[in-house]
Amino acid sequence: MYKYVFLLSLLVSSFYGNAQKFTQPHAYVGAGLSLTGANVGVEAGYRITDLVAVSLKGEYSLLVLDAKNFNEGDLGIITSCTGNIRLYWDRDSSHRKYVGFGVGLYQMQFGKTTQSKMGFYPRFGVDNNHFNLNIDFNIVPMIDYGPVDVQWEVMNVGNSNHLTVRIGLMIGGGKY
C-alpha cells in the first residue's frame, strides 16, 4: 500500500515540479576573459523548476603562468568538464540573477607537464533573455610542475585557481 502511495505522490510531484514558464532544456555558448588569459565554453542543461537548473559545462582556458621559476609568457591550458547547479532569484523577470556551484575534472597542461585534478567553483551571473553573463572562480588544487633543476631537486609548484568572466548566448530555455 505504501509503495503505491509513494509512486502516486512521485507521479503527481513530477507534473508540478517541472518548469512552468521557461522551457526545460537549454544550452549556453560563450567566450570570455580571465585575469590572466582567455576562455571558451559550452554548457548544456535542464531546468528542474523555474528557479533551479542543472548543467554540464565544458571549458577551455588559456592562461599565462604566474608560477615561480617560469619565464614570463609561459602558457598553460586548462580543459574542464564539470557539473553544476544554478539557483535563480526571480521567476517572472527576463533579467534573472542566479548563484550556484559546480564540481568536476580539470586537466591542466603546463609546458611538458599534464595533470588531472578534481576542482570546484562558486558562480554567479545574469540571464537576460537569450544573453548570459557568467562569473566562475575555479578552485583547483596546487599543481606540481615537476623538477626545474634536477641537480638540486627544486620543485616548482603553481596555483591553478582562476577567475573566468564569460559572455554568451543561450539557446532554448526561454519563456513559453
Protein backbone atom coordinates (compact mmCIF):
# COMPACT_ATOMS: atom_id res chain seq x y z
CA MET A 1 0.00 0.00 0.00
CA TYR A 2 2.76 2.46 0.97
CA LYS A 3 4.53 1.66 -2.26
CA TYR A 4 1.51 2.79 -4.31
CA VAL A 5 1.06 5.98 -2.27
CA PHE A 6 4.75 6.78 -2.80
CA LEU A 7 4.55 6.13 -6.56
CA LEU A 8 1.39 8.23 -6.87
CA SER A 9 2.93 11.14 -4.96
CA LEU A 10 6.07 10.87 -7.11
CA LEU A 11 3.96 10.98 -10.28
CA VAL A 12 1.91 13.98 -9.09
CA SER A 13 5.03 15.88 -7.97
CA SER A 14 6.71 15.26 -11.32
CA PHE A 15 3.89 17.14 -13.06
CA TYR A 16 4.05 20.09 -10.68
CA GLY A 17 7.85 20.12 -10.33
CA ASN A 18 8.56 20.86 -13.99
CA ALA A 19 9.44 24.31 -15.23
CA GLN A 20 6.20 26.19 -15.72
CA LYS A 21 7.23 29.40 -17.51
CA PHE A 22 10.64 28.54 -19.01
CA THR A 23 11.46 25.70 -21.37
CA GLN A 24 13.40 22.92 -19.72
CA PRO A 25 16.37 22.07 -22.00
CA HIS A 26 18.82 24.88 -22.70
CA ALA A 27 22.40 25.41 -23.83
CA TYR A 28 24.94 28.21 -23.47
CA VAL A 29 27.80 29.06 -25.80
CA GLY A 30 30.21 31.76 -24.72
CA ALA A 31 33.68 33.22 -24.65
CA GLY A 32 35.39 35.40 -22.12
CA LEU A 33 38.43 36.57 -20.26
CA SER A 34 40.12 35.63 -17.05
CA LEU A 35 42.59 37.70 -15.09
CA THR A 36 45.50 36.01 -16.88
CA GLY A 37 44.05 34.66 -20.14
CA ALA A 38 41.00 33.79 -22.21
CA ASN A 39 38.40 31.00 -22.33
CA VAL A 40 35.61 29.47 -24.38
CA GLY A 41 32.86 27.28 -23.02
CA VAL A 42 29.77 25.26 -23.85
CA GLU A 43 27.12 24.37 -21.29
CA ALA A 44 24.06 22.12 -21.73
CA GLY A 45 21.42 22.00 -19.05
CA TYR A 46 17.92 21.20 -17.90
CA ARG A 47 15.57 23.29 -15.75
CA ILE A 48 14.14 21.21 -12.94
CA THR A 49 11.88 24.13 -11.98
CA ASP A 50 11.81 27.79 -12.96
CA LEU A 51 14.20 28.51 -10.08
CA VAL A 52 16.60 25.51 -10.32
CA ALA A 53 18.68 24.36 -13.29
CA VAL A 54 21.40 21.69 -13.59
CA SER A 55 24.05 21.73 -16.33
CA LEU A 56 27.16 20.08 -17.71
CA LYS A 57 29.91 22.52 -18.70
CA GLY A 58 32.94 22.05 -20.92
CA GLU A 59 35.50 24.85 -20.88
CA TYR A 60 38.87 25.51 -22.48
CA SER A 61 41.06 28.16 -20.83
CA LEU A 62 44.40 29.53 -21.97
CA LEU A 63 46.31 31.06 -19.04
CA VAL A 64 49.63 32.82 -18.58
CA LEU A 65 51.55 31.18 -15.76
CA ASP A 66 52.45 33.16 -12.71
CA ALA A 67 54.39 30.39 -11.02
CA LYS A 68 57.86 30.95 -9.62
CA ASN A 69 60.89 29.96 -11.72
CA PHE A 70 59.00 30.10 -15.01
CA ASN A 71 59.78 32.64 -17.68
CA GLU A 72 57.15 35.29 -18.20
CA GLY A 73 54.84 34.41 -21.03
CA ASP A 74 54.76 30.65 -20.44
CA LEU A 75 51.25 29.46 -21.29
CA GLY A 76 49.07 26.90 -19.59
CA ILE A 77 46.00 25.18 -20.98
CA ILE A 78 43.19 24.05 -18.69
CA THR A 79 40.31 21.97 -20.05
CA SER A 80 37.45 21.14 -17.72
CA CYS A 81 34.33 19.03 -17.68
CA THR A 82 32.07 19.88 -14.75
CA GLY A 83 28.54 19.57 -13.50
CA ASN A 84 26.79 22.50 -11.84
CA ILE A 85 23.57 23.79 -10.35
CA ARG A 86 22.04 27.27 -10.65
CA LEU A 87 19.59 28.79 -8.19
CA TYR A 88 17.63 31.72 -9.65
CA TRP A 89 16.23 34.58 -7.55
CA ASP A 90 13.36 35.68 -9.77
CA ARG A 91 10.79 33.52 -11.52
CA ASP A 92 9.00 36.14 -13.62
CA SER A 93 11.63 38.58 -14.87
CA SER A 94 13.50 38.35 -18.17
CA HIS A 95 16.55 39.73 -16.29
CA ARG A 96 17.24 36.78 -13.95
CA LYS A 97 20.13 36.70 -11.46
CA TYR A 98 21.49 33.41 -10.15
CA VAL A 99 24.07 31.83 -7.85
CA GLY A 100 25.37 28.30 -7.93
CA PHE A 101 28.29 25.96 -7.72
CA GLY A 102 29.91 23.23 -9.75
CA VAL A 103 32.36 20.38 -9.38
CA GLY A 104 34.31 18.38 -11.90
CA LEU A 105 37.56 17.32 -13.50
CA TYR A 106 40.23 19.78 -14.63
CA GLN A 107 43.06 18.71 -16.94
CA MET A 108 45.99 21.11 -16.84
CA GLN A 109 48.86 21.24 -19.28
CA PHE A 110 51.77 23.50 -18.40
CA GLY A 111 54.84 23.04 -20.57
CA LYS A 112 55.55 19.32 -20.77
CA THR A 113 53.55 18.50 -17.63
CA THR A 114 49.92 17.33 -17.82
CA GLN A 115 47.87 16.63 -14.69
CA SER A 116 44.22 15.97 -13.92
CA LYS A 117 42.67 17.16 -10.66
CA MET A 118 39.21 17.48 -9.19
CA GLY A 119 38.09 21.02 -8.52
CA PHE A 120 35.01 23.11 -7.84
CA TYR A 121 33.73 26.62 -8.41
CA PRO A 122 31.19 29.03 -6.98
CA ARG A 123 29.42 31.02 -9.65
CA PHE A 124 27.02 33.87 -10.14
CA GLY A 125 25.60 35.59 -13.14
CA VAL A 126 22.66 37.04 -15.02
CA ASP A 127 20.45 35.67 -17.78
CA ASN A 128 18.84 38.47 -19.81
CA ASN A 129 16.50 36.95 -22.37
CA HIS A 130 18.94 34.92 -24.51
CA PHE A 131 22.14 36.64 -23.37
CA ASN A 132 24.20 35.48 -20.41
CA LEU A 133 26.93 36.95 -18.20
CA ASN A 134 28.61 34.34 -16.02
CA ILE A 135 31.39 34.63 -13.43
CA ASP A 136 33.10 31.49 -12.08
CA PHE A 137 36.01 31.23 -9.66
CA ASN A 138 37.61 27.87 -10.42
CA ILE A 139 39.36 26.39 -7.38
CA VAL A 140 41.78 23.62 -8.32
CA PRO A 141 44.42 22.05 -6.04
CA MET A 142 48.04 23.11 -6.46
CA ILE A 143 49.83 21.69 -9.47
CA ASP A 144 53.29 20.22 -9.28
CA TYR A 145 55.09 21.24 -12.47
CA GLY A 146 57.93 18.82 -11.81
CA PRO A 147 61.62 19.39 -11.13
CA VAL A 148 63.04 22.60 -12.53
CA ASP A 149 66.63 21.81 -11.62
CA VAL A 150 67.27 18.07 -11.37
CA GLN A 151 70.64 18.55 -9.66
CA TRP A 152 69.16 20.49 -6.73
CA GLU A 153 65.71 18.79 -6.78
CA VAL A 154 63.96 22.14 -6.79
CA MET A 155 60.21 21.63 -7.22
CA ASN A 156 58.04 24.25 -8.86
CA VAL A 157 54.50 24.32 -7.51
CA GLY A 158 51.95 26.68 -9.07
CA ASN A 159 48.49 27.99 -8.39
CA SER A 160 45.89 26.92 -10.95
CA ASN A 161 42.92 28.79 -9.42
CA HIS A 162 41.43 31.21 -11.90
CA LEU A 163 38.52 33.61 -12.25
CA THR A 164 36.61 33.50 -15.54
CA VAL A 165 34.12 36.03 -16.84
CA ARG A 166 32.14 34.74 -19.81
CA ILE A 167 29.57 36.45 -22.02
CA GLY A 168 27.42 34.12 -24.04
CA LEU A 169 24.27 33.24 -25.85
CA MET A 170 21.53 30.93 -24.54
CA ILE A 171 19.88 28.55 -26.99
CA GLY A 172 16.47 27.36 -25.79
CA GLY A 173 15.43 27.87 -22.18
CA GLY A 174 13.26 30.92 -22.89
CA LYS A 175 9.74 31.67 -21.73
CA TYR A 176 6.80 29.79 -23.21
